[in-house]
């Protein structure tokens, strides 16, 4: 695969968006209590997107869903059942796709919840990111041209 490859571009787009959500979650966490609802939402978004990036890498089609448990149990399991089982804890983040976005879903989120979900996100990220980076690095290596001998 080379530069301009649609699969590589799609993987890079998904991965970049996932990275941005995680980076924004970290920045917002540092700003304090008024941002914790956005932190937990962005943690959910980061994991949802990094899972979907991994699915794109492996050619698994998926619908537009936010349900992390369903992504793992229905789609990631097609890639690797052990991977799906290893990441099952990440389904805890699934509730935050909605709960963090509306005022009538319970108590506001606190620093402890924000920190716990960032740590959970880091754990899940560590499971999926290596597969994504392996694809991107292998793809970059495959696209590199062999040095040519000078014309005689």
N, C-alpha and C. Protein backbone atom coordinates (compact mmCIF):
# COMPACT_ATOMS: atom_id res chain seq x y z
N UNK A 1 0.85 -1.19 0.00
CA UNK A 1 0.00 0.00 0.00
C UNK A 1 0.88 1.23 0.00
N UNK A 2 0.41 2.23 -0.62
CA UNK A 2 1.21 3.43 -0.72
C UNK A 2 0.40 4.64 -0.28
N UNK A 3 1.09 5.77 -0.26
CA UNK A 3 0.42 7.01 0.06
C UNK A 3 -0.71 7.21 -0.92
N UNK A 4 -1.85 7.68 -0.42
CA UNK A 4 -3.01 7.81 -1.27
C UNK A 4 -3.88 6.57 -1.23
N UNK A 5 -3.46 5.56 -0.47
CA UNK A 5 -4.23 4.33 -0.32
C UNK A 5 -5.47 4.63 0.53
N UNK A 6 -6.66 4.32 0.03
CA UNK A 6 -7.89 4.64 0.76
C UNK A 6 -7.98 3.98 2.14
N UNK A 7 -7.52 2.73 2.26
CA UNK A 7 -7.58 2.06 3.56
C UNK A 7 -6.68 2.77 4.57
N UNK A 8 -5.47 3.07 4.16
CA UNK A 8 -4.54 3.76 5.06
C UNK A 8 -5.12 5.11 5.48
N UNK A 9 -5.69 5.84 4.53
CA UNK A 9 -6.27 7.14 4.85
C UNK A 9 -7.43 7.01 5.82
N UNK A 10 -8.26 5.99 5.62
CA UNK A 10 -9.39 5.77 6.52
C UNK A 10 -8.91 5.42 7.93
N UNK A 11 -7.93 4.54 8.02
CA UNK A 11 -7.37 4.16 9.32
C UNK A 11 -6.78 5.39 10.00
N UNK A 12 -6.01 6.16 9.25
CA UNK A 12 -5.38 7.35 9.83
C UNK A 12 -6.42 8.35 10.30
N UNK A 13 -7.50 8.54 9.56
CA UNK A 13 -8.57 9.46 9.96
C UNK A 13 -9.24 9.01 11.25
N UNK A 14 -9.62 7.74 11.33
CA UNK A 14 -10.23 7.23 12.55
C UNK A 14 -9.27 7.37 13.74
N UNK A 15 -8.03 6.97 13.53
CA UNK A 15 -7.03 7.01 14.61
C UNK A 15 -6.78 8.45 15.07
N UNK A 16 -6.66 9.38 14.15
CA UNK A 16 -6.44 10.78 14.50
C UNK A 16 -7.59 11.33 15.33
N UNK A 17 -8.81 10.97 14.97
CA UNK A 17 -9.98 11.44 15.73
C UNK A 17 -9.99 10.84 17.13
N UNK A 18 -9.62 9.57 17.23
CA UNK A 18 -9.55 8.91 18.54
C UNK A 18 -8.49 9.59 19.41
N UNK A 19 -7.32 9.84 18.82
CA UNK A 19 -6.24 10.52 19.55
C UNK A 19 -6.68 11.90 20.03
N UNK A 20 -7.37 12.62 19.19
CA UNK A 20 -7.84 13.96 19.55
C UNK A 20 -8.82 13.91 20.70
N UNK A 21 -9.75 12.95 20.67
CA UNK A 21 -10.69 12.82 21.79
C UNK A 21 -9.96 12.54 23.09
N UNK A 22 -8.98 11.66 23.06
CA UNK A 22 -8.23 11.34 24.27
C UNK A 22 -7.41 12.54 24.74
N UNK A 23 -6.76 13.22 23.83
CA UNK A 23 -5.98 14.41 24.20
C UNK A 23 -6.89 15.49 24.80
N UNK A 24 -8.06 15.70 24.20
CA UNK A 24 -9.00 16.69 24.73
C UNK A 24 -9.51 16.28 26.11
N UNK A 25 -9.73 15.00 26.33
CA UNK A 25 -10.16 14.53 27.65
C UNK A 25 -9.11 14.88 28.71
N UNK A 26 -7.85 14.67 28.38
CA UNK A 26 -6.78 14.98 29.33
C UNK A 26 -6.70 16.49 29.64
N UNK A 27 -6.81 17.29 28.60
CA UNK A 27 -6.76 18.74 28.79
C UNK A 27 -7.94 19.20 29.64
N UNK A 28 -9.12 18.73 29.31
CA UNK A 28 -10.30 19.14 30.07
C UNK A 28 -10.25 18.66 31.52
N UNK A 29 -9.72 17.47 31.73
CA UNK A 29 -9.60 16.96 33.11
C UNK A 29 -8.80 17.95 33.96
N UNK A 30 -7.76 18.49 33.38
CA UNK A 30 -6.90 19.43 34.11
C UNK A 30 -7.60 20.75 34.42
N UNK A 31 -8.67 21.06 33.71
CA UNK A 31 -9.36 22.34 33.95
C UNK A 31 -10.30 22.30 35.13
N UNK A 32 -10.66 21.11 35.60
CA UNK A 32 -11.44 21.02 36.82
C UNK A 32 -12.88 20.58 36.68
N UNK A 33 -13.62 20.72 37.77
CA UNK A 33 -14.95 20.12 37.92
C UNK A 33 -15.97 20.42 36.84
N UNK A 34 -15.99 21.61 36.32
CA UNK A 34 -17.01 21.93 35.31
C UNK A 34 -16.81 21.13 34.01
N UNK A 35 -15.65 20.55 33.86
CA UNK A 35 -15.36 19.84 32.60
C UNK A 35 -15.46 18.32 32.73
N UNK A 36 -15.69 17.80 33.93
CA UNK A 36 -15.65 16.34 34.10
C UNK A 36 -16.69 15.61 33.27
N UNK A 37 -17.86 16.20 33.05
CA UNK A 37 -18.85 15.52 32.21
C UNK A 37 -18.32 15.37 30.78
N UNK A 38 -17.60 16.37 30.30
CA UNK A 38 -17.01 16.27 28.96
C UNK A 38 -15.84 15.29 28.94
N UNK A 39 -15.11 15.18 30.04
CA UNK A 39 -14.00 14.23 30.11
C UNK A 39 -14.53 12.81 29.94
N UNK A 40 -15.57 12.46 30.70
CA UNK A 40 -16.06 11.08 30.62
C UNK A 40 -16.67 10.80 29.25
N UNK A 41 -17.32 11.79 28.67
CA UNK A 41 -17.86 11.62 27.31
C UNK A 41 -16.72 11.39 26.31
N UNK A 42 -15.68 12.20 26.40
CA UNK A 42 -14.55 12.06 25.47
C UNK A 42 -13.80 10.75 25.67
N UNK A 43 -13.75 10.25 26.89
CA UNK A 43 -13.14 8.93 27.12
C UNK A 43 -13.93 7.86 26.37
N UNK A 44 -15.25 7.93 26.47
CA UNK A 44 -16.09 6.98 25.75
C UNK A 44 -15.84 7.12 24.25
N UNK A 45 -15.80 8.34 23.75
CA UNK A 45 -15.60 8.57 22.33
C UNK A 45 -14.24 8.05 21.87
N UNK A 46 -13.20 8.28 22.66
CA UNK A 46 -11.86 7.83 22.29
C UNK A 46 -11.81 6.31 22.16
N UNK A 47 -12.42 5.61 23.10
CA UNK A 47 -12.38 4.14 23.04
C UNK A 47 -13.27 3.63 21.92
N UNK A 48 -14.42 4.22 21.76
CA UNK A 48 -15.28 3.82 20.64
C UNK A 48 -14.52 3.94 19.32
N UNK A 49 -13.83 5.06 19.14
CA UNK A 49 -13.13 5.31 17.88
C UNK A 49 -11.88 4.44 17.72
N UNK A 50 -11.16 4.18 18.79
CA UNK A 50 -9.96 3.34 18.66
C UNK A 50 -10.38 1.90 18.36
N UNK A 51 -11.51 1.45 18.92
CA UNK A 51 -12.03 0.13 18.58
C UNK A 51 -12.42 0.09 17.11
N UNK A 52 -13.13 1.11 16.67
CA UNK A 52 -13.55 1.16 15.27
C UNK A 52 -12.35 1.26 14.32
N UNK A 53 -11.30 1.95 14.75
CA UNK A 53 -10.08 2.01 13.94
C UNK A 53 -9.51 0.62 13.76
N UNK A 54 -9.46 -0.14 14.84
CA UNK A 54 -8.96 -1.51 14.77
C UNK A 54 -9.82 -2.36 13.84
N UNK A 55 -11.12 -2.15 13.89
CA UNK A 55 -12.02 -2.89 13.00
C UNK A 55 -11.75 -2.53 11.54
N UNK A 56 -11.52 -1.26 11.27
CA UNK A 56 -11.20 -0.82 9.91
C UNK A 56 -9.91 -1.49 9.44
N UNK A 57 -8.90 -1.53 10.30
CA UNK A 57 -7.63 -2.19 9.97
C UNK A 57 -7.88 -3.62 9.51
N UNK A 58 -8.79 -4.30 10.19
CA UNK A 58 -9.04 -5.72 9.91
C UNK A 58 -10.17 -5.96 8.91
N UNK A 59 -10.68 -4.89 8.31
CA UNK A 59 -11.69 -5.03 7.27
C UNK A 59 -13.06 -5.46 7.77
N UNK A 60 -13.34 -5.21 9.04
CA UNK A 60 -14.63 -5.57 9.61
C UNK A 60 -15.57 -4.37 9.50
N UNK A 61 -16.68 -4.57 8.84
CA UNK A 61 -17.68 -3.51 8.68
C UNK A 61 -18.55 -3.47 9.94
N UNK A 62 -18.96 -2.28 10.33
CA UNK A 62 -19.75 -2.09 11.54
C UNK A 62 -20.74 -0.95 11.31
N UNK A 63 -21.87 -0.99 12.02
CA UNK A 63 -22.84 0.09 11.87
C UNK A 63 -22.45 1.30 12.74
N UNK A 64 -23.13 2.40 12.53
CA UNK A 64 -22.91 3.59 13.36
C UNK A 64 -23.60 3.36 14.71
N UNK A 65 -22.82 2.79 15.63
CA UNK A 65 -23.35 2.55 16.98
C UNK A 65 -22.37 3.11 18.00
N UNK A 66 -22.87 3.36 19.18
CA UNK A 66 -22.05 3.87 20.28
C UNK A 66 -21.79 2.81 21.34
N UNK A 67 -22.43 1.68 21.22
CA UNK A 67 -22.43 0.62 22.22
C UNK A 67 -21.10 -0.14 22.19
N UNK A 68 -20.24 0.14 23.15
CA UNK A 68 -18.93 -0.49 23.19
C UNK A 68 -19.04 -1.99 23.40
N UNK A 69 -19.96 -2.43 24.29
CA UNK A 69 -20.13 -3.87 24.50
C UNK A 69 -20.50 -4.56 23.20
N UNK A 70 -21.40 -3.97 22.44
CA UNK A 70 -21.81 -4.57 21.16
C UNK A 70 -20.65 -4.57 20.17
N UNK A 71 -19.88 -3.48 20.13
CA UNK A 71 -18.71 -3.45 19.25
C UNK A 71 -17.76 -4.60 19.58
N UNK A 72 -17.55 -4.82 20.86
CA UNK A 72 -16.63 -5.89 21.28
C UNK A 72 -17.22 -7.27 21.00
N UNK A 73 -18.46 -7.47 21.42
CA UNK A 73 -19.07 -8.80 21.37
C UNK A 73 -19.49 -9.23 19.96
N UNK A 74 -19.78 -8.27 19.10
CA UNK A 74 -20.26 -8.61 17.76
C UNK A 74 -19.19 -8.44 16.69
N UNK A 75 -18.34 -7.43 16.85
CA UNK A 75 -17.42 -7.08 15.76
C UNK A 75 -15.96 -7.38 16.09
N UNK A 76 -15.48 -6.99 17.25
CA UNK A 76 -14.08 -7.28 17.61
C UNK A 76 -13.87 -8.78 17.71
N UNK A 77 -14.86 -9.50 18.16
CA UNK A 77 -14.75 -10.95 18.27
C UNK A 77 -14.45 -11.58 16.91
N UNK A 78 -14.86 -10.94 15.81
CA UNK A 78 -14.54 -11.43 14.47
C UNK A 78 -13.05 -11.30 14.15
N UNK A 79 -12.42 -10.31 14.74
CA UNK A 79 -10.99 -10.09 14.54
C UNK A 79 -10.20 -11.07 15.40
N UNK A 80 -10.58 -11.13 16.68
CA UNK A 80 -9.85 -11.95 17.63
C UNK A 80 -10.69 -12.09 18.89
N UNK A 81 -11.23 -13.28 19.16
CA UNK A 81 -12.06 -13.48 20.36
C UNK A 81 -11.31 -13.14 21.66
N UNK A 82 -10.01 -13.40 21.67
CA UNK A 82 -9.22 -13.09 22.87
C UNK A 82 -9.10 -11.58 23.07
N UNK A 83 -8.98 -10.86 21.98
CA UNK A 83 -8.91 -9.40 22.05
C UNK A 83 -10.22 -8.85 22.61
N UNK A 84 -11.33 -9.37 22.13
CA UNK A 84 -12.64 -8.93 22.62
C UNK A 84 -12.79 -9.21 24.12
N UNK A 85 -12.34 -10.38 24.54
CA UNK A 85 -12.44 -10.74 25.96
C UNK A 85 -11.51 -9.88 26.81
N UNK A 86 -10.31 -9.64 26.31
CA UNK A 86 -9.33 -8.83 27.05
C UNK A 86 -9.82 -7.40 27.25
N UNK A 87 -10.56 -6.88 26.29
CA UNK A 87 -11.04 -5.50 26.36
C UNK A 87 -12.45 -5.37 26.92
N UNK A 88 -13.04 -6.46 27.38
CA UNK A 88 -14.44 -6.44 27.83
C UNK A 88 -14.69 -5.39 28.92
N UNK A 89 -13.70 -5.11 29.74
CA UNK A 89 -13.88 -4.12 30.80
C UNK A 89 -14.24 -2.75 30.24
N UNK A 90 -13.85 -2.48 28.99
CA UNK A 90 -14.09 -1.16 28.39
C UNK A 90 -15.57 -0.87 28.17
N UNK A 91 -16.40 -1.91 28.23
CA UNK A 91 -17.83 -1.66 28.03
C UNK A 91 -18.40 -0.77 29.12
N UNK A 92 -17.70 -0.63 30.23
CA UNK A 92 -18.13 0.30 31.28
C UNK A 92 -18.24 1.73 30.75
N UNK A 93 -17.42 2.06 29.79
CA UNK A 93 -17.44 3.40 29.21
C UNK A 93 -18.68 3.65 28.35
N UNK A 94 -19.33 2.59 27.94
CA UNK A 94 -20.47 2.71 27.03
C UNK A 94 -21.56 3.64 27.51
N UNK A 95 -21.84 3.62 28.79
CA UNK A 95 -22.92 4.45 29.34
C UNK A 95 -22.64 5.93 29.18
N UNK A 96 -21.39 6.30 29.07
CA UNK A 96 -21.03 7.71 29.05
C UNK A 96 -21.23 8.37 27.69
N UNK A 97 -21.62 7.59 26.69
CA UNK A 97 -21.94 8.18 25.39
C UNK A 97 -23.17 9.06 25.50
N UNK A 98 -24.05 8.72 26.43
CA UNK A 98 -25.28 9.48 26.62
C UNK A 98 -25.30 10.16 27.98
N UNK A 99 -24.99 9.42 29.03
CA UNK A 99 -25.12 9.94 30.39
C UNK A 99 -24.38 11.24 30.63
N UNK A 100 -23.24 11.39 30.02
CA UNK A 100 -22.44 12.60 30.25
C UNK A 100 -22.95 13.79 29.45
N UNK A 101 -23.88 13.57 28.55
CA UNK A 101 -24.29 14.64 27.65
C UNK A 101 -25.58 15.35 28.06
N UNK A 102 -26.31 14.78 29.04
CA UNK A 102 -27.62 15.34 29.39
C UNK A 102 -27.70 15.63 30.87
N UNK A 103 -28.42 16.67 31.26
CA UNK A 103 -28.45 17.08 32.65
C UNK A 103 -29.29 16.18 33.56
N UNK A 104 -30.17 15.37 33.03
CA UNK A 104 -31.08 14.60 33.87
C UNK A 104 -30.64 13.15 34.07
N UNK A 105 -29.36 12.87 33.99
CA UNK A 105 -28.90 11.49 34.08
C UNK A 105 -28.28 11.14 35.42
N UNK A 106 -28.45 11.98 36.42
CA UNK A 106 -27.94 11.66 37.74
C UNK A 106 -26.98 12.72 38.25
N UNK A 107 -26.16 12.30 39.18
CA UNK A 107 -25.19 13.20 39.81
C UNK A 107 -24.15 13.68 38.81
N UNK A 108 -23.66 14.90 39.00
CA UNK A 108 -22.57 15.36 38.14
C UNK A 108 -21.33 14.49 38.36
N UNK A 109 -20.49 14.44 37.39
CA UNK A 109 -19.28 13.63 37.51
C UNK A 109 -18.24 14.37 38.34
N UNK A 110 -17.48 13.61 39.11
CA UNK A 110 -16.48 14.22 39.98
C UNK A 110 -15.07 13.86 39.50
N UNK A 111 -14.09 14.42 40.18
CA UNK A 111 -12.70 14.20 39.79
C UNK A 111 -12.32 12.72 39.84
N UNK A 112 -12.79 12.02 40.85
CA UNK A 112 -12.46 10.60 40.99
C UNK A 112 -12.99 9.80 39.79
N UNK A 113 -14.21 10.08 39.37
CA UNK A 113 -14.79 9.39 38.20
C UNK A 113 -14.00 9.74 36.94
N UNK A 114 -13.67 11.01 36.80
CA UNK A 114 -12.92 11.46 35.65
C UNK A 114 -11.56 10.74 35.59
N UNK A 115 -10.87 10.68 36.70
CA UNK A 115 -9.56 10.00 36.75
C UNK A 115 -9.69 8.51 36.49
N UNK A 116 -10.71 7.89 37.08
CA UNK A 116 -10.92 6.45 36.91
C UNK A 116 -11.19 6.12 35.44
N UNK A 117 -12.02 6.94 34.78
CA UNK A 117 -12.33 6.67 33.39
C UNK A 117 -11.16 6.98 32.45
N UNK A 118 -10.35 7.95 32.80
CA UNK A 118 -9.13 8.18 32.02
C UNK A 118 -8.20 6.98 32.13
N UNK A 119 -8.08 6.42 33.33
CA UNK A 119 -7.23 5.24 33.52
C UNK A 119 -7.79 4.04 32.76
N UNK A 120 -9.10 3.88 32.80
CA UNK A 120 -9.75 2.79 32.07
C UNK A 120 -9.53 2.96 30.57
N UNK A 121 -9.63 4.19 30.12
CA UNK A 121 -9.39 4.49 28.70
C UNK A 121 -7.95 4.15 28.32
N UNK A 122 -7.01 4.51 29.17
CA UNK A 122 -5.61 4.18 28.91
C UNK A 122 -5.40 2.67 28.80
N UNK A 123 -6.06 1.91 29.68
CA UNK A 123 -5.94 0.44 29.64
C UNK A 123 -6.47 -0.11 28.32
N UNK A 124 -7.64 0.36 27.92
CA UNK A 124 -8.24 -0.13 26.68
C UNK A 124 -7.41 0.33 25.48
N UNK A 125 -6.94 1.56 25.53
CA UNK A 125 -6.12 2.12 24.44
C UNK A 125 -4.90 1.23 24.22
N UNK A 126 -4.29 0.80 25.30
CA UNK A 126 -3.07 -0.02 25.22
C UNK A 126 -3.34 -1.38 24.55
N UNK A 127 -4.56 -1.81 24.56
CA UNK A 127 -4.91 -3.08 23.92
C UNK A 127 -5.06 -2.91 22.41
N UNK A 128 -5.67 -1.82 21.98
CA UNK A 128 -5.99 -1.64 20.56
C UNK A 128 -4.91 -0.89 19.78
N UNK A 129 -4.26 0.06 20.40
CA UNK A 129 -3.30 0.90 19.67
C UNK A 129 -2.18 0.11 19.01
N UNK A 130 -1.60 -0.90 19.65
CA UNK A 130 -0.50 -1.62 18.97
C UNK A 130 -0.90 -2.23 17.62
N UNK A 131 -2.12 -2.72 17.51
CA UNK A 131 -2.58 -3.30 16.24
C UNK A 131 -2.69 -2.22 15.17
N UNK A 132 -3.14 -1.04 15.58
CA UNK A 132 -3.29 0.07 14.64
C UNK A 132 -1.92 0.55 14.18
N UNK A 133 -1.03 0.75 15.14
CA UNK A 133 0.31 1.22 14.80
C UNK A 133 1.06 0.21 13.95
N UNK A 134 0.87 -1.06 14.24
CA UNK A 134 1.51 -2.11 13.43
C UNK A 134 1.06 -1.99 11.97
N UNK A 135 -0.23 -1.77 11.76
CA UNK A 135 -0.75 -1.60 10.40
C UNK A 135 -0.15 -0.36 9.75
N UNK A 136 -0.18 0.76 10.46
CA UNK A 136 0.31 2.02 9.89
C UNK A 136 1.81 1.95 9.59
N UNK A 137 2.57 1.32 10.48
CA UNK A 137 4.01 1.21 10.27
C UNK A 137 4.33 0.24 9.13
N UNK A 138 3.61 -0.88 9.08
CA UNK A 138 3.84 -1.84 8.00
C UNK A 138 3.44 -1.23 6.67
N UNK A 139 2.35 -0.48 6.68
CA UNK A 139 1.89 0.18 5.46
C UNK A 139 2.92 1.22 5.00
N UNK A 140 3.49 1.95 5.93
CA UNK A 140 4.50 2.96 5.58
C UNK A 140 5.75 2.29 5.03
N UNK A 141 6.14 1.16 5.65
CA UNK A 141 7.31 0.43 5.17
C UNK A 141 7.07 -0.12 3.77
N UNK A 142 5.88 -0.63 3.52
CA UNK A 142 5.56 -1.20 2.21
C UNK A 142 5.54 -0.13 1.14
N UNK A 143 5.22 1.09 1.53
CA UNK A 143 5.15 2.19 0.56
C UNK A 143 6.50 2.81 0.25
N UNK A 144 7.49 2.48 1.07
CA UNK A 144 8.82 3.06 0.83
C UNK A 144 9.44 2.41 -0.40
N UNK A 145 10.00 3.23 -1.24
CA UNK A 145 10.62 2.71 -2.46
C UNK A 145 11.98 2.12 -2.14
N UNK A 146 12.30 1.07 -2.85
CA UNK A 146 13.63 0.48 -2.75
C UNK A 146 14.62 1.47 -3.37
N UNK A 147 15.79 1.64 -2.76
CA UNK A 147 16.78 2.51 -3.40
C UNK A 147 17.16 1.95 -4.75
N UNK A 148 17.27 2.80 -5.72
CA UNK A 148 17.63 2.36 -7.06
C UNK A 148 19.10 2.64 -7.30
N UNK A 149 19.70 1.74 -8.06
CA UNK A 149 21.10 1.93 -8.44
C UNK A 149 21.17 3.08 -9.45
N UNK A 150 22.22 3.87 -9.35
CA UNK A 150 22.33 4.96 -10.33
C UNK A 150 22.46 4.40 -11.73
N UNK A 151 21.91 5.13 -12.69
CA UNK A 151 22.01 4.69 -14.08
C UNK A 151 23.47 4.78 -14.52
N UNK A 152 23.90 3.75 -15.23
CA UNK A 152 25.28 3.73 -15.69
C UNK A 152 25.44 4.40 -17.03
